[in-house]
Amino acid sequence: MPKHTDKLGAAMGRSPRSAGKGFASSFAEKPVVETVRLAIDLDKDFHRRLKIAAAEHGISQRDLVLNAIQKTYPELRDK
């Protein structure tokens, strides 16, 4: 078995933060911000590693990617 099977399972499951909450209640907690969707095609193995890394840090894949971009390009941070 791959060594990260347990982490991948955790990454694919619900996070402990949202345990016991429905989609509507967890969605309602987030502030309403105007957004634009960006699609990025990822290699399957990279996507798996991204899910594992996000789970290890206790954050979403989206937040992990945004944090990395903002750290690399500080001028893109909100002012």
Protein backbone atom coordinates (compact mmCIF):
# COMPACT_ATOMS: atom_id res chain seq x y z
CA MET A 1 0.00 0.00 0.00
CA PRO A 2 1.23 3.55 -0.71
CA LYS A 3 2.64 5.26 2.36
CA HIS A 4 0.25 8.24 2.15
CA THR A 5 -2.97 6.23 1.88
CA ASP A 6 -4.22 7.36 5.30
CA LYS A 7 -3.45 11.04 4.55
CA LEU A 8 -5.12 10.81 1.14
CA GLY A 9 -8.20 9.29 2.78
CA ALA A 10 -8.29 12.12 5.27
CA ALA A 11 -7.85 14.66 2.49
CA MET A 12 -10.79 13.23 0.57
CA GLY A 13 -13.06 13.07 3.61
CA ARG A 14 -14.78 15.88 5.43
CA SER A 15 -12.54 18.07 7.50
CA PRO A 16 -13.04 18.02 11.28
CA ARG A 17 -13.93 21.74 11.15
CA SER A 18 -17.10 21.02 9.22
CA ALA A 19 -18.04 17.79 10.99
CA GLY A 20 -21.71 17.79 11.86
CA LYS A 21 -22.52 20.82 9.74
CA GLY A 22 -24.45 20.78 6.53
CA PHE A 23 -23.23 22.46 3.37
CA ALA A 24 -25.55 25.42 3.83
CA SER A 25 -24.42 26.17 7.38
CA SER A 26 -20.69 25.90 6.62
CA PHE A 27 -21.15 27.99 3.46
CA ALA A 28 -23.07 30.66 5.38
CA GLU A 29 -20.11 31.19 7.76
CA LYS A 30 -17.85 32.47 4.97
CA PRO A 31 -17.96 36.17 4.08
CA VAL A 32 -19.54 37.05 0.76
CA VAL A 33 -16.86 38.26 -1.64
CA GLU A 34 -17.08 38.82 -5.38
CA THR A 35 -14.94 36.14 -6.99
CA VAL A 36 -13.91 34.82 -10.38
CA ARG A 37 -13.38 31.12 -11.03
CA LEU A 38 -10.00 29.96 -12.37
CA ALA A 39 -9.53 26.43 -13.68
CA ILE A 40 -6.07 24.84 -13.65
CA ASP A 41 -5.38 21.42 -15.16
CA LEU A 42 -3.10 19.40 -12.87
CA ASP A 43 -1.31 16.12 -13.35
CA LYS A 44 -3.14 13.42 -11.32
CA ASP A 45 -0.13 12.65 -9.16
CA PHE A 46 0.47 16.34 -8.45
CA HIS A 47 -3.20 16.75 -7.52
CA ARG A 48 -2.93 13.81 -5.10
CA ARG A 49 0.16 15.33 -3.47
CA LEU A 50 -1.59 18.71 -3.27
CA LYS A 51 -4.55 17.11 -1.44
CA ILE A 52 -2.18 15.40 0.99
CA ALA A 53 -0.23 18.61 1.66
CA ALA A 54 -3.43 20.57 2.24
CA ALA A 55 -4.71 17.91 4.65
CA GLU A 56 -1.40 17.94 6.54
CA HIS A 57 -1.70 21.72 6.97
CA GLY A 58 -5.40 21.52 7.85
CA ILE A 59 -6.42 23.86 5.02
CA SER A 60 -8.19 23.54 1.69
CA GLN A 61 -6.32 22.95 -1.54
CA ARG A 62 -7.53 26.37 -2.69
CA ASP A 63 -6.06 28.09 0.38
CA LEU A 64 -2.78 26.18 0.04
CA VAL A 65 -2.41 27.31 -3.59
CA LEU A 66 -3.43 30.91 -2.81
CA ASN A 67 -1.00 31.08 0.13
CA ALA A 68 1.84 29.80 -2.06
CA ILE A 69 1.08 32.32 -4.81
CA GLN A 70 0.82 35.22 -2.34
CA LYS A 71 4.08 34.20 -0.67
CA THR A 72 5.84 34.04 -4.04
CA TYR A 73 4.26 37.28 -5.33
CA PRO A 74 3.65 39.53 -2.29
CA GLU A 75 2.51 42.35 -4.58
CA LEU A 76 -0.64 40.32 -5.31
CA ARG A 77 -1.80 40.37 -1.67
CA ASP A 78 -4.90 42.32 -0.71
CA LYS A 79 -4.18 45.89 0.28
